[in-house]
Amino acid sequence: MTTTVLDLIRHGEPQGGPMFRGRKDDPLSEDGWNQMHAAITSQDQWHAIVTSPLLRCREFAGQLSERLGLPIHVEQELQEIRFGEWEGLTSEQVHDRYGEHLSRFWQDPVHFTPPGGEPMAQFHERVARAFRRWQEQLAGQRVLVVCHGGVIRMILADVLGIPLERSFAGFAVPYACRSRIQVDQSEFRVFRSLISHCP
């Protein structure tokens, strides 16, 4: 039996405050850095770090890898979902400019994509593919994955079998939220389970 533990952590608060950020590459705010440092404890032990390439993830992951002496892997497919024309806008601004689009997205994100955005099914497919790839490449290790709220939702939807229609509004993923997934693999099957989600 091979056991792999993957700790997912969402980035802290980025500069610029709440908005549909997507691929907008803002760094962490001072509060965001504090949130991330507070989420890591002296009891944490990892063999490797995997991170999204976006600054709000990669800069902290890079700093932590240097401090702990851990290898770091930058994974392009763990970037946040693309929100297209909504990126950089607050919910209020999206509502003002696009009317009912916002409520349609929250009600049915699978069948309603923001203008110029990434379809939910494609987002889920690329995130699940990347997560399984690192699960296999780092099998038997304890891994920290620094990523985004949407990415964590897609991973948990994949592990728990949550319908994509419920994956965005079904549970909260606050800044610096940590989720632990354990993967037990034998010659007969792979068993993935959620061990914890946020404090």
N, C-alpha and C. Protein backbone atom coordinates (compact mmCIF):
# COMPACT_ATOMS: atom_id res chain seq x y z
N MET A 1 0.84 -1.19 0.00
CA MET A 1 0.00 0.00 0.00
C MET A 1 0.89 1.25 0.00
N THR A 2 0.59 2.17 -0.91
CA THR A 2 1.29 3.45 -0.97
C THR A 2 0.33 4.55 -0.57
N THR A 3 0.73 5.38 0.40
CA THR A 3 -0.10 6.47 0.87
C THR A 3 0.54 7.80 0.50
N THR A 4 -0.23 8.65 -0.15
CA THR A 4 0.21 9.99 -0.54
C THR A 4 -0.70 11.00 0.15
N VAL A 5 -0.12 12.02 0.76
CA VAL A 5 -0.90 13.07 1.42
C VAL A 5 -0.67 14.38 0.67
N LEU A 6 -1.76 14.99 0.24
CA LEU A 6 -1.67 16.25 -0.50
C LEU A 6 -2.43 17.33 0.28
N ASP A 7 -1.70 18.33 0.74
CA ASP A 7 -2.29 19.46 1.44
C ASP A 7 -2.50 20.59 0.45
N LEU A 8 -3.76 20.94 0.22
CA LEU A 8 -4.09 22.05 -0.66
C LEU A 8 -4.21 23.31 0.18
N ILE A 9 -3.64 24.41 -0.27
CA ILE A 9 -3.83 25.68 0.41
C ILE A 9 -4.15 26.77 -0.61
N ARG A 10 -5.21 27.50 -0.34
CA ARG A 10 -5.54 28.63 -1.20
C ARG A 10 -4.63 29.80 -0.84
N HIS A 11 -4.28 30.58 -1.83
CA HIS A 11 -3.46 31.79 -1.59
C HIS A 11 -4.18 32.74 -0.62
N GLY A 12 -3.42 33.64 -0.03
CA GLY A 12 -4.00 34.67 0.82
C GLY A 12 -4.60 35.80 0.00
N GLU A 13 -5.02 36.85 0.70
CA GLU A 13 -5.65 37.99 0.04
C GLU A 13 -4.68 38.67 -0.93
N PRO A 14 -5.07 38.85 -2.19
CA PRO A 14 -4.20 39.57 -3.14
C PRO A 14 -4.38 41.08 -3.02
N GLN A 15 -3.44 41.81 -3.57
CA GLN A 15 -3.58 43.25 -3.66
C GLN A 15 -4.76 43.59 -4.58
N GLY A 16 -5.50 44.61 -4.20
CA GLY A 16 -6.63 45.03 -5.03
C GLY A 16 -7.97 44.65 -4.47
N GLY A 17 -8.00 43.77 -3.46
CA GLY A 17 -9.26 43.42 -2.83
C GLY A 17 -10.12 42.46 -3.63
N PRO A 18 -11.36 42.22 -3.16
CA PRO A 18 -12.24 41.24 -3.81
C PRO A 18 -12.60 41.63 -5.24
N MET A 19 -12.52 40.68 -6.13
CA MET A 19 -12.90 40.87 -7.54
C MET A 19 -12.88 39.51 -8.22
N PHE A 20 -13.39 39.47 -9.44
CA PHE A 20 -13.19 38.29 -10.28
C PHE A 20 -11.76 38.41 -10.84
N ARG A 21 -10.83 37.68 -10.20
CA ARG A 21 -9.42 37.89 -10.53
C ARG A 21 -8.97 36.95 -11.65
N GLY A 22 -9.32 35.69 -11.55
CA GLY A 22 -8.96 34.74 -12.61
C GLY A 22 -7.46 34.73 -12.88
N ARG A 23 -7.09 35.08 -14.11
CA ARG A 23 -5.68 35.09 -14.51
C ARG A 23 -5.01 36.44 -14.26
N LYS A 24 -5.73 37.41 -13.73
CA LYS A 24 -5.13 38.70 -13.39
C LYS A 24 -4.06 38.45 -12.33
N ASP A 25 -2.84 38.83 -12.64
CA ASP A 25 -1.71 38.32 -11.86
C ASP A 25 -1.28 39.28 -10.76
N ASP A 26 -2.15 39.48 -9.77
CA ASP A 26 -1.84 40.34 -8.64
C ASP A 26 -1.04 39.58 -7.59
N PRO A 27 -0.05 40.24 -6.96
CA PRO A 27 0.66 39.61 -5.85
C PRO A 27 -0.16 39.66 -4.57
N LEU A 28 0.31 38.99 -3.54
CA LEU A 28 -0.36 39.03 -2.25
C LEU A 28 -0.25 40.41 -1.62
N SER A 29 -1.28 40.77 -0.88
CA SER A 29 -1.22 41.98 -0.06
C SER A 29 -0.44 41.65 1.22
N GLU A 30 -0.17 42.66 2.03
CA GLU A 30 0.49 42.41 3.31
C GLU A 30 -0.34 41.47 4.17
N ASP A 31 -1.67 41.70 4.19
CA ASP A 31 -2.55 40.80 4.93
C ASP A 31 -2.49 39.38 4.36
N GLY A 32 -2.40 39.29 3.03
CA GLY A 32 -2.32 37.99 2.39
C GLY A 32 -1.07 37.21 2.81
N TRP A 33 0.06 37.89 2.87
CA TRP A 33 1.29 37.24 3.35
C TRP A 33 1.11 36.76 4.79
N ASN A 34 0.52 37.61 5.62
CA ASN A 34 0.31 37.24 7.03
C ASN A 34 -0.61 36.02 7.14
N GLN A 35 -1.65 35.98 6.32
CA GLN A 35 -2.57 34.84 6.32
C GLN A 35 -1.83 33.54 5.97
N MET A 36 -0.97 33.62 4.98
CA MET A 36 -0.25 32.41 4.55
C MET A 36 0.75 31.95 5.60
N HIS A 37 1.48 32.89 6.18
CA HIS A 37 2.44 32.51 7.21
C HIS A 37 1.72 31.90 8.41
N ALA A 38 0.56 32.45 8.76
CA ALA A 38 -0.19 31.94 9.91
C ALA A 38 -0.74 30.54 9.65
N ALA A 39 -0.95 30.19 8.38
CA ALA A 39 -1.54 28.89 8.04
C ALA A 39 -0.53 27.75 8.08
N ILE A 40 0.76 28.08 8.11
CA ILE A 40 1.82 27.07 8.14
C ILE A 40 2.32 26.93 9.57
N THR A 41 2.43 25.70 10.03
CA THR A 41 2.85 25.48 11.41
C THR A 41 4.19 24.74 11.47
N SER A 42 4.78 24.73 12.64
CA SER A 42 6.06 24.04 12.81
C SER A 42 5.91 22.53 12.73
N GLN A 43 4.67 22.03 12.86
CA GLN A 43 4.43 20.58 12.77
C GLN A 43 4.31 20.10 11.32
N ASP A 44 4.15 21.02 10.37
CA ASP A 44 3.99 20.63 8.97
C ASP A 44 5.28 20.02 8.44
N GLN A 45 5.13 18.92 7.74
CA GLN A 45 6.26 18.26 7.11
C GLN A 45 5.87 17.82 5.70
N TRP A 46 6.61 18.33 4.73
CA TRP A 46 6.36 17.97 3.33
C TRP A 46 7.65 17.55 2.66
N HIS A 47 7.49 16.82 1.57
CA HIS A 47 8.64 16.43 0.75
C HIS A 47 8.80 17.33 -0.47
N ALA A 48 7.72 17.99 -0.88
CA ALA A 48 7.76 18.80 -2.10
C ALA A 48 6.60 19.79 -2.09
N ILE A 49 6.73 20.82 -2.92
CA ILE A 49 5.68 21.83 -3.10
C ILE A 49 5.34 21.90 -4.58
N VAL A 50 4.05 21.93 -4.88
CA VAL A 50 3.55 22.16 -6.24
C VAL A 50 2.75 23.46 -6.20
N THR A 51 2.96 24.34 -7.17
CA THR A 51 2.29 25.63 -7.13
C THR A 51 1.78 26.09 -8.48
N SER A 52 0.70 26.85 -8.44
CA SER A 52 0.26 27.61 -9.61
C SER A 52 1.35 28.63 -9.96
N PRO A 53 1.48 28.99 -11.24
CA PRO A 53 2.50 29.97 -11.63
C PRO A 53 2.12 31.41 -11.30
N LEU A 54 0.86 31.67 -10.92
CA LEU A 54 0.45 33.04 -10.67
C LEU A 54 1.08 33.57 -9.39
N LEU A 55 1.40 34.87 -9.39
CA LEU A 55 2.19 35.47 -8.32
C LEU A 55 1.61 35.23 -6.93
N ARG A 56 0.30 35.29 -6.80
CA ARG A 56 -0.31 35.17 -5.48
C ARG A 56 -0.11 33.79 -4.87
N CYS A 57 0.30 32.83 -5.68
CA CYS A 57 0.66 31.50 -5.20
C CYS A 57 2.18 31.28 -5.24
N ARG A 58 2.76 31.59 -6.39
CA ARG A 58 4.15 31.21 -6.64
C ARG A 58 5.14 31.92 -5.72
N GLU A 59 4.89 33.19 -5.40
CA GLU A 59 5.86 33.91 -4.58
C GLU A 59 5.94 33.31 -3.17
N PHE A 60 4.79 33.00 -2.58
CA PHE A 60 4.81 32.38 -1.26
C PHE A 60 5.41 30.98 -1.34
N ALA A 61 5.00 30.21 -2.34
CA ALA A 61 5.53 28.85 -2.48
C ALA A 61 7.04 28.87 -2.64
N GLY A 62 7.55 29.82 -3.41
CA GLY A 62 9.00 29.92 -3.60
C GLY A 62 9.72 30.27 -2.32
N GLN A 63 9.16 31.21 -1.57
CA GLN A 63 9.77 31.59 -0.30
C GLN A 63 9.78 30.41 0.67
N LEU A 64 8.65 29.68 0.73
CA LEU A 64 8.56 28.55 1.64
C LEU A 64 9.50 27.43 1.24
N SER A 65 9.64 27.19 -0.05
CA SER A 65 10.53 26.12 -0.50
C SER A 65 11.98 26.43 -0.15
N GLU A 66 12.35 27.70 -0.24
CA GLU A 66 13.72 28.09 0.14
C GLU A 66 13.92 27.92 1.65
N ARG A 67 12.93 28.34 2.42
CA ARG A 67 13.07 28.27 3.88
C ARG A 67 13.13 26.83 4.37
N LEU A 68 12.36 25.95 3.75
CA LEU A 68 12.31 24.55 4.18
C LEU A 68 13.24 23.63 3.40
N GLY A 69 13.86 24.16 2.36
CA GLY A 69 14.76 23.34 1.55
C GLY A 69 14.04 22.26 0.76
N LEU A 70 12.86 22.61 0.22
CA LEU A 70 12.04 21.63 -0.50
C LEU A 70 12.07 21.90 -2.00
N PRO A 71 12.00 20.84 -2.82
CA PRO A 71 11.85 21.05 -4.26
C PRO A 71 10.49 21.68 -4.56
N ILE A 72 10.45 22.53 -5.58
CA ILE A 72 9.21 23.19 -5.97
C ILE A 72 8.93 22.92 -7.44
N HIS A 73 7.67 22.64 -7.75
CA HIS A 73 7.25 22.35 -9.11
C HIS A 73 6.16 23.35 -9.49
N VAL A 74 6.35 24.08 -10.57
CA VAL A 74 5.36 25.06 -11.04
C VAL A 74 4.49 24.38 -12.10
N GLU A 75 3.19 24.33 -11.83
CA GLU A 75 2.25 23.62 -12.70
C GLU A 75 1.29 24.60 -13.37
N GLN A 76 1.45 24.76 -14.68
CA GLN A 76 0.63 25.71 -15.43
C GLN A 76 -0.86 25.40 -15.35
N GLU A 77 -1.19 24.12 -15.29
CA GLU A 77 -2.61 23.73 -15.34
C GLU A 77 -3.34 23.95 -14.01
N LEU A 78 -2.61 24.41 -12.99
CA LEU A 78 -3.26 24.73 -11.72
C LEU A 78 -3.57 26.22 -11.59
N GLN A 79 -3.56 26.95 -12.70
CA GLN A 79 -3.99 28.34 -12.68
C GLN A 79 -5.50 28.41 -12.44
N GLU A 80 -5.94 29.58 -11.95
CA GLU A 80 -7.35 29.79 -11.70
C GLU A 80 -8.14 29.77 -13.01
N ILE A 81 -9.45 29.58 -12.91
CA ILE A 81 -10.33 29.64 -14.08
C ILE A 81 -10.25 31.02 -14.71
N ARG A 82 -10.35 31.09 -16.02
CA ARG A 82 -10.37 32.38 -16.72
C ARG A 82 -11.79 32.94 -16.68
N PHE A 83 -11.93 34.15 -16.16
CA PHE A 83 -13.24 34.79 -16.11
C PHE A 83 -13.47 35.73 -17.28
N GLY A 84 -12.56 35.76 -18.25
CA GLY A 84 -12.77 36.55 -19.46
C GLY A 84 -12.98 38.03 -19.17
N GLU A 85 -14.07 38.58 -19.68
CA GLU A 85 -14.33 40.02 -19.57
C GLU A 85 -14.62 40.45 -18.13
N TRP A 86 -14.88 39.52 -17.26
CA TRP A 86 -15.16 39.86 -15.86
C TRP A 86 -13.90 40.09 -15.04
N GLU A 87 -12.74 39.70 -15.55
CA GLU A 87 -11.53 39.78 -14.74
C GLU A 87 -11.20 41.24 -14.39
N GLY A 88 -10.91 41.45 -13.11
CA GLY A 88 -10.63 42.78 -12.62
C GLY A 88 -11.85 43.54 -12.15
N LEU A 89 -13.04 42.94 -12.29
CA LEU A 89 -14.29 43.59 -11.89
C LEU A 89 -14.82 42.99 -10.60
N THR A 90 -15.46 43.84 -9.79
CA THR A 90 -16.16 43.34 -8.60
C THR A 90 -17.50 42.76 -9.02
N SER A 91 -18.16 42.07 -8.10
CA SER A 91 -19.49 41.52 -8.39
C SER A 91 -20.45 42.63 -8.76
N GLU A 92 -20.37 43.76 -8.06
CA GLU A 92 -21.25 44.89 -8.35
C GLU A 92 -21.01 45.44 -9.75
N GLN A 93 -19.76 45.52 -10.15
CA GLN A 93 -19.44 46.02 -11.49
C GLN A 93 -19.91 45.05 -12.56
N VAL A 94 -19.77 43.75 -12.31
CA VAL A 94 -20.27 42.76 -13.28
C VAL A 94 -21.78 42.90 -13.41
N HIS A 95 -22.47 43.04 -12.29
CA HIS A 95 -23.92 43.19 -12.34
C HIS A 95 -24.32 44.45 -13.09
N ASP A 96 -23.63 45.55 -12.84
CA ASP A 96 -23.95 46.81 -13.51
C ASP A 96 -23.74 46.72 -15.02
N ARG A 97 -22.69 46.02 -15.44
CA ARG A 97 -22.33 45.98 -16.86
C ARG A 97 -23.03 44.85 -17.63
N TYR A 98 -23.29 43.74 -16.93
CA TYR A 98 -23.77 42.55 -17.63
C TYR A 98 -25.14 42.06 -17.15
N GLY A 99 -25.76 42.81 -16.24
CA GLY A 99 -27.11 42.47 -15.81
C GLY A 99 -27.22 41.12 -15.15
N GLU A 100 -28.05 40.26 -15.72
CA GLU A 100 -28.36 38.96 -15.10
C GLU A 100 -27.28 37.90 -15.33
N HIS A 101 -26.22 38.25 -16.05
CA HIS A 101 -25.17 37.26 -16.30
C HIS A 101 -24.63 36.67 -15.01
N LEU A 102 -24.43 37.53 -14.00
CA LEU A 102 -23.81 37.06 -12.77
C LEU A 102 -24.69 36.03 -12.06
N SER A 103 -25.96 36.31 -11.93
CA SER A 103 -26.85 35.36 -11.27
C SER A 103 -26.97 34.07 -12.09
N ARG A 104 -26.94 34.18 -13.40
CA ARG A 104 -26.99 32.99 -14.24
C ARG A 104 -25.74 32.11 -14.03
N PHE A 105 -24.60 32.77 -13.86
CA PHE A 105 -23.36 32.02 -13.63
C PHE A 105 -23.43 31.27 -12.31
N TRP A 106 -23.87 31.94 -11.23
CA TRP A 106 -23.92 31.26 -9.93
C TRP A 106 -24.97 30.16 -9.92
N GLN A 107 -26.06 30.34 -10.66
CA GLN A 107 -27.11 29.32 -10.69
C GLN A 107 -26.72 28.10 -11.52
N ASP A 108 -25.94 28.34 -12.59
CA ASP A 108 -25.60 27.24 -13.48
C ASP A 108 -24.25 27.49 -14.15
N PRO A 109 -23.14 27.38 -13.38
CA PRO A 109 -21.82 27.69 -13.93
C PRO A 109 -21.37 26.72 -15.02
N VAL A 110 -21.99 25.56 -15.08
CA VAL A 110 -21.60 24.60 -16.12
C VAL A 110 -22.09 25.04 -17.50
N HIS A 111 -23.30 25.60 -17.54
CA HIS A 111 -23.89 25.95 -18.82
C HIS A 111 -23.86 27.44 -19.12
N PHE A 112 -23.36 28.26 -18.17
CA PHE A 112 -23.21 29.68 -18.45
C PHE A 112 -21.78 30.10 -18.16
N THR A 113 -21.06 30.50 -19.21
CA THR A 113 -19.66 30.91 -19.11
C THR A 113 -19.57 32.42 -19.27
N PRO A 114 -18.81 33.11 -18.42
CA PRO A 114 -18.63 34.56 -18.61
C PRO A 114 -18.09 34.85 -20.00
N PRO A 115 -18.44 35.99 -20.59
CA PRO A 115 -17.96 36.32 -21.94
C PRO A 115 -16.44 36.25 -22.03
N GLY A 116 -15.96 35.44 -22.95
CA GLY A 116 -14.52 35.28 -23.12
C GLY A 116 -13.87 34.40 -22.07
N GLY A 117 -14.67 33.77 -21.21
CA GLY A 117 -14.13 32.97 -20.11
C GLY A 117 -13.92 31.52 -20.49
N GLU A 118 -13.50 30.75 -19.50
CA GLU A 118 -13.20 29.33 -19.67
C GLU A 118 -14.39 28.49 -19.23
N PRO A 119 -14.89 27.61 -20.07
CA PRO A 119 -16.01 26.76 -19.67
C PRO A 119 -15.66 25.90 -18.45
N MET A 120 -16.61 25.74 -17.57
CA MET A 120 -16.38 25.02 -16.32
C MET A 120 -15.89 23.59 -16.57
N ALA A 121 -16.45 22.91 -17.55
CA ALA A 121 -16.06 21.53 -17.81
C ALA A 121 -14.59 21.44 -18.22
N GLN A 122 -14.12 22.40 -19.02
CA GLN A 122 -12.71 22.42 -19.43
C GLN A 122 -11.80 22.71 -18.24
N PHE A 123 -12.23 23.65 -17.40
CA PHE A 123 -11.48 23.98 -16.20
C PHE A 123 -11.33 22.75 -15.30
N HIS A 124 -12.44 22.06 -15.07
CA HIS A 124 -12.41 20.86 -14.24
C HIS A 124 -11.49 19.80 -14.84
N GLU A 125 -11.56 19.63 -16.14
CA GLU A 125 -10.75 18.59 -16.79
C GLU A 125 -9.25 18.87 -16.64
N ARG A 126 -8.83 20.14 -16.85
CA ARG A 126 -7.39 20.42 -16.77
C ARG A 126 -6.88 20.33 -15.33
N VAL A 127 -7.69 20.80 -14.37
CA VAL A 127 -7.26 20.74 -12.97
C VAL A 127 -7.17 19.28 -12.50
N ALA A 128 -8.19 18.48 -12.80
CA ALA A 128 -8.18 17.08 -12.39
C ALA A 128 -7.01 16.34 -13.04
N ARG A 129 -6.72 16.65 -14.29
CA ARG A 129 -5.60 16.02 -14.99
C ARG A 129 -4.27 16.35 -14.30
N ALA A 130 -4.07 17.63 -13.97
CA ALA A 130 -2.83 18.04 -13.32
C ALA A 130 -2.70 17.43 -11.93
N PHE A 131 -3.80 17.43 -11.19
CA PHE A 131 -3.75 16.89 -9.84
C PHE A 131 -3.41 15.40 -9.85
N ARG A 132 -4.00 14.66 -10.74
CA ARG A 132 -3.72 13.23 -10.82
C ARG A 132 -2.28 12.97 -11.27
N ARG A 133 -1.79 13.83 -12.15
CA ARG A 133 -0.40 13.67 -12.61
C ARG A 133 0.58 13.82 -11.44
N TRP A 134 0.38 14.85 -10.61
CA TRP A 134 1.29 15.04 -9.48
C TRP A 134 1.05 14.01 -8.39
N GLN A 135 -0.16 13.56 -8.25
CA GLN A 135 -0.47 12.48 -7.31
C GLN A 135 0.35 11.24 -7.68
N GLU A 136 0.49 10.98 -8.96
CA GLU A 136 1.24 9.82 -9.42
C GLU A 136 2.75 10.06 -9.34
N GLN A 137 3.20 11.26 -9.78
CA GLN A 137 4.63 11.53 -9.82
C GLN A 137 5.24 11.62 -8.43
N LEU A 138 4.46 12.07 -7.45
CA LEU A 138 4.96 12.23 -6.09
C LEU A 138 4.33 11.20 -5.14
N ALA A 139 3.98 10.06 -5.68
CA ALA A 139 3.33 9.00 -4.89
C ALA A 139 4.19 8.62 -3.69
N GLY A 140 3.51 8.45 -2.55
CA GLY A 140 4.20 8.07 -1.33
C GLY A 140 4.77 9.24 -0.54
N GLN A 141 4.60 10.46 -1.04
CA GLN A 141 5.15 11.63 -0.38
C GLN A 141 4.05 12.48 0.25
N ARG A 142 4.49 13.46 1.04
CA ARG A 142 3.60 14.48 1.58
C ARG A 142 3.86 15.75 0.79
N VAL A 143 2.81 16.30 0.18
CA VAL A 143 2.97 17.38 -0.80
C VAL A 143 2.09 18.56 -0.42
N LEU A 144 2.64 19.77 -0.51
CA LEU A 144 1.86 20.99 -0.37
C LEU A 144 1.54 21.52 -1.76
N VAL A 145 0.26 21.79 -2.02
CA VAL A 145 -0.18 22.34 -3.30
C VAL A 145 -0.72 23.74 -3.05
N VAL A 146 -0.04 24.77 -3.57
CA VAL A 146 -0.45 26.16 -3.37
C VAL A 146 -1.21 26.59 -4.62
N CYS A 147 -2.49 26.90 -4.44
CA CYS A 147 -3.32 27.14 -5.62
C CYS A 147 -4.46 28.10 -5.31
N HIS A 148 -5.58 27.95 -5.99
CA HIS A 148 -6.66 28.94 -5.99
C HIS A 148 -7.97 28.32 -5.49
N GLY A 149 -8.90 29.20 -5.13
CA GLY A 149 -10.18 28.72 -4.65
C GLY A 149 -10.91 27.87 -5.66
N GLY A 150 -10.93 28.31 -6.91
CA GLY A 150 -11.59 27.54 -7.96
C GLY A 150 -10.92 26.20 -8.20
N VAL A 151 -9.59 26.18 -8.13
CA VAL A 151 -8.84 24.94 -8.33
C VAL A 151 -9.16 23.95 -7.22
N ILE A 152 -9.20 24.43 -5.98
CA ILE A 152 -9.52 23.55 -4.86
C ILE A 152 -10.94 23.00 -5.02
N ARG A 153 -11.86 23.84 -5.45
CA ARG A 153 -13.23 23.36 -5.67
C ARG A 153 -13.27 22.25 -6.71
N MET A 154 -12.49 22.38 -7.78
CA MET A 154 -12.47 21.35 -8.82
C MET A 154 -11.86 20.05 -8.31
N ILE A 155 -10.80 20.15 -7.50
CA ILE A 155 -10.17 18.95 -6.95
C ILE A 155 -11.12 18.24 -6.00
N LEU A 156 -11.77 19.01 -5.12
CA LEU A 156 -12.69 18.38 -4.17
C LEU A 156 -13.91 17.80 -4.89
N ALA A 157 -14.37 18.48 -5.94
CA ALA A 157 -15.48 17.93 -6.72
C ALA A 157 -15.08 16.59 -7.33
N ASP A 158 -13.83 16.50 -7.79
CA ASP A 158 -13.35 15.26 -8.41
C ASP A 158 -13.21 14.16 -7.37
N VAL A 159 -12.64 14.49 -6.22
CA VAL A 159 -12.41 13.48 -5.18
C VAL A 159 -13.72 13.01 -4.56
N LEU A 160 -14.65 13.95 -4.32
CA LEU A 160 -15.88 13.63 -3.59
C LEU A 160 -17.07 13.31 -4.50
N GLY A 161 -16.88 13.49 -5.81
CA GLY A 161 -17.98 13.23 -6.72
C GLY A 161 -19.08 14.28 -6.65
N ILE A 162 -18.70 15.52 -6.34
CA ILE A 162 -19.68 16.61 -6.28
C ILE A 162 -20.02 17.06 -7.70
N PRO A 163 -21.29 17.20 -8.04
CA PRO A 163 -21.64 17.69 -9.37
C PRO A 163 -21.04 19.07 -9.62
N LEU A 164 -20.57 19.31 -10.81
CA LEU A 164 -19.96 20.61 -11.12
C LEU A 164 -20.93 21.76 -10.89
N GLU A 165 -22.21 21.51 -11.06
CA GLU A 165 -23.22 22.55 -10.84
C GLU A 165 -23.17 23.08 -9.41
N ARG A 166 -22.71 22.25 -8.45
CA ARG A 166 -22.66 22.64 -7.05
C ARG A 166 -21.25 22.98 -6.58
N SER A 167 -20.27 22.82 -7.44
CA SER A 167 -18.88 22.92 -7.00
C SER A 167 -18.45 24.33 -6.63
N PHE A 168 -19.06 25.36 -7.24
CA PHE A 168 -18.63 26.73 -6.94
C PHE A 168 -19.39 27.31 -5.75
N ALA A 169 -20.67 27.01 -5.63
CA ALA A 169 -21.48 27.60 -4.57
C ALA A 169 -21.74 26.64 -3.42
N GLY A 170 -21.28 25.40 -3.53
CA GLY A 170 -21.64 24.39 -2.55
C GLY A 170 -20.85 24.43 -1.27
N PHE A 171 -19.65 25.03 -1.27
CA PHE A 171 -18.86 25.10 -0.05
C PHE A 171 -17.87 26.26 -0.16
N ALA A 172 -17.45 26.76 1.01
CA ALA A 172 -16.57 27.93 1.06
C ALA A 172 -15.10 27.52 1.02
N VAL A 173 -14.28 28.36 0.37
CA VAL A 173 -12.83 28.17 0.36
C VAL A 173 -12.21 29.54 0.64
N PRO A 174 -12.14 29.96 1.90
CA PRO A 174 -11.60 31.29 2.21
C PRO A 174 -10.09 31.37 1.96
N TYR A 175 -9.57 32.59 2.02
CA TYR A 175 -8.13 32.77 1.86
C TYR A 175 -7.36 31.93 2.87
N ALA A 176 -6.28 31.31 2.41
CA ALA A 176 -5.37 30.49 3.22
C ALA A 176 -6.06 29.25 3.80
N CYS A 177 -7.20 28.88 3.26
CA CYS A 177 -7.89 27.65 3.66
C CYS A 177 -7.05 26.43 3.25
N ARG A 178 -6.96 25.47 4.15
CA ARG A 178 -6.23 24.25 3.87
C ARG A 178 -7.16 23.05 3.80
N SER A 179 -6.92 22.18 2.84
CA SER A 179 -7.67 20.94 2.69
C SER A 179 -6.66 19.80 2.54
N ARG A 180 -6.92 18.69 3.20
CA ARG A 180 -6.00 17.54 3.10
C ARG A 180 -6.70 16.38 2.41
N ILE A 181 -6.03 15.86 1.41
CA ILE A 181 -6.51 14.68 0.68
C ILE A 181 -5.49 13.56 0.85
N GLN A 182 -5.99 12.39 1.19
CA GLN A 182 -5.13 11.22 1.32
C GLN A 182 -5.46 10.24 0.21
N VAL A 183 -4.42 9.75 -0.43
CA VAL A 183 -4.57 8.78 -1.52
C VAL A 183 -3.89 7.49 -1.12
N ASP A 184 -4.68 6.43 -0.98
CA ASP A 184 -4.14 5.10 -0.66
C ASP A 184 -4.24 4.25 -1.91
N GLN A 185 -3.09 3.76 -2.35
CA GLN A 185 -3.04 3.02 -3.61
C GLN A 185 -2.45 1.63 -3.38
N SER A 186 -3.19 0.63 -3.84
CA SER A 186 -2.69 -0.74 -3.81
C SER A 186 -2.67 -1.26 -5.24
N GLU A 187 -2.29 -2.50 -5.38
CA GLU A 187 -2.28 -3.07 -6.73
C GLU A 187 -3.70 -3.28 -7.25
N PHE A 188 -4.68 -3.16 -6.38
CA PHE A 188 -6.06 -3.44 -6.77
C PHE A 188 -6.89 -2.18 -7.01
N ARG A 189 -6.59 -1.07 -6.26
CA ARG A 189 -7.42 0.11 -6.41
C ARG A 189 -6.73 1.33 -5.85
N VAL A 190 -7.29 2.51 -6.20
CA VAL A 190 -6.85 3.79 -5.64
C VAL A 190 -8.03 4.36 -4.87
N PHE A 191 -7.79 4.66 -3.59
CA PHE A 191 -8.84 5.21 -2.72
C PHE A 191 -8.44 6.61 -2.30
N ARG A 192 -9.22 7.62 -2.71
CA ARG A 192 -8.93 9.01 -2.37
C ARG A 192 -9.99 9.53 -1.40
N SER A 193 -9.56 10.19 -0.34
CA SER A 193 -10.50 10.69 0.65
C SER A 193 -10.09 12.06 1.15
N LEU A 194 -11.10 12.87 1.47
CA LEU A 194 -10.88 14.18 2.08
C LEU A 194 -10.75 13.97 3.59
N ILE A 195 -9.62 14.38 4.14
CA ILE A 195 -9.34 14.21 5.56
C ILE A 195 -9.79 15.44 6.36
N SER A 196 -9.56 16.64 5.80
CA SER A 196 -9.95 17.86 6.49
C SER A 196 -10.13 18.98 5.47
N HIS A 197 -10.91 20.00 5.87
CA HIS A 197 -11.14 21.15 5.00
C HIS A 197 -11.29 22.38 5.88
N CYS A 198 -10.30 23.27 5.84
CA CYS A 198 -10.25 24.51 6.61
C CYS A 198 -10.21 24.21 8.12
N PRO A 199 -9.97 25.27 8.93
CA PRO A 199 -9.87 25.04 10.39
C PRO A 199 -11.17 24.51 10.96
